[in-house]
Amino acid sequence: MKYFNYILIVLGAIIAIYSKTGTDQNQYILIGGIVVLMIGIYRISRNIPSKNINDDSVDTNKEDII
């Protein structure tokens, strides 16, 4: 699944760049490429854990001591 997300990002970037080349630019292909690119980025960012998960439990313990 991880490689699928990277393929989506690369495919979306290639489609977006391809649609911008030439004198006759197709806006629908550009929008489709950007959508595929953003879906790939979103799917990768979903799996990145938050840095604030452990910080909340540590902060509440410090307040209880004071």
Protein backbone atom coordinates (compact mmCIF):
# COMPACT_ATOMS: atom_id res chain seq x y z
CA MET A 1 0.00 0.00 0.00
CA LYS A 2 2.89 2.34 0.77
CA TYR A 3 4.21 2.09 -2.78
CA PHE A 4 0.75 2.71 -4.18
CA ASN A 5 0.68 6.12 -2.46
CA TYR A 6 4.04 7.04 -4.00
CA ILE A 7 2.82 5.91 -7.40
CA LEU A 8 -0.24 8.16 -7.01
CA ILE A 9 1.98 11.15 -6.20
CA VAL A 10 4.32 10.56 -9.14
CA LEU A 11 1.44 9.83 -11.53
CA GLY A 12 -0.44 12.96 -10.43
CA ALA A 13 2.66 15.13 -10.86
CA ILE A 14 3.35 13.71 -14.32
CA ILE A 15 -0.25 14.25 -15.42
CA ALA A 16 -0.24 17.83 -14.09
CA ILE A 17 3.05 18.64 -15.81
CA TYR A 18 1.92 16.99 -19.05
CA SER A 19 -1.28 19.03 -19.14
CA LYS A 20 0.64 22.31 -18.79
CA THR A 21 2.95 21.65 -21.77
CA GLY A 22 2.06 22.88 -25.21
CA THR A 23 -0.06 25.72 -26.45
CA ASP A 24 -3.37 23.91 -26.00
CA GLN A 25 -3.68 23.39 -22.25
CA ASN A 26 -6.42 21.10 -21.03
CA GLN A 27 -7.65 22.34 -17.66
CA TYR A 28 -9.59 19.16 -16.84
CA ILE A 29 -6.49 17.00 -17.16
CA LEU A 30 -4.59 19.47 -14.96
CA ILE A 31 -7.32 19.32 -12.30
CA GLY A 32 -7.36 15.52 -12.49
CA GLY A 33 -3.58 15.37 -12.04
CA ILE A 34 -3.69 17.67 -9.05
CA VAL A 35 -6.50 15.62 -7.49
CA VAL A 36 -4.51 12.37 -7.91
CA LEU A 37 -1.43 14.09 -6.46
CA MET A 38 -3.36 15.36 -3.43
CA ILE A 39 -4.97 11.96 -2.80
CA GLY A 40 -1.51 10.38 -2.68
CA ILE A 41 -0.21 13.06 -0.31
CA TYR A 42 -3.26 12.71 1.94
CA ARG A 43 -2.91 8.93 2.13
CA ILE A 44 0.73 9.24 3.17
CA SER A 45 0.07 11.98 5.72
CA ARG A 46 -2.66 9.87 7.38
CA ASN A 47 -0.05 7.37 8.54
CA ILE A 48 2.29 9.91 10.15
CA PRO A 49 1.74 9.88 13.93
CA SER A 50 1.15 13.07 15.86
CA LYS A 51 3.94 14.39 18.07
CA ASN A 52 1.45 15.65 20.67
CA ILE A 53 0.06 12.27 21.77
CA ASN A 54 2.67 11.64 24.50
CA ASP A 55 3.05 15.30 25.46
CA ASP A 56 -0.54 15.56 26.74
CA SER A 57 -0.16 12.77 29.28
CA VAL A 58 3.14 14.19 30.56
CA ASP A 59 1.69 17.69 31.00
CA THR A 60 -1.28 16.49 33.08
CA ASN A 61 1.03 14.61 35.43
CA LYS A 62 3.14 17.74 36.02
CA GLU A 63 0.05 19.76 36.94
CA ASP A 64 -1.07 17.12 39.46
CA ILE A 65 2.26 17.30 41.28
CA ILE A 66 2.13 21.09 41.68
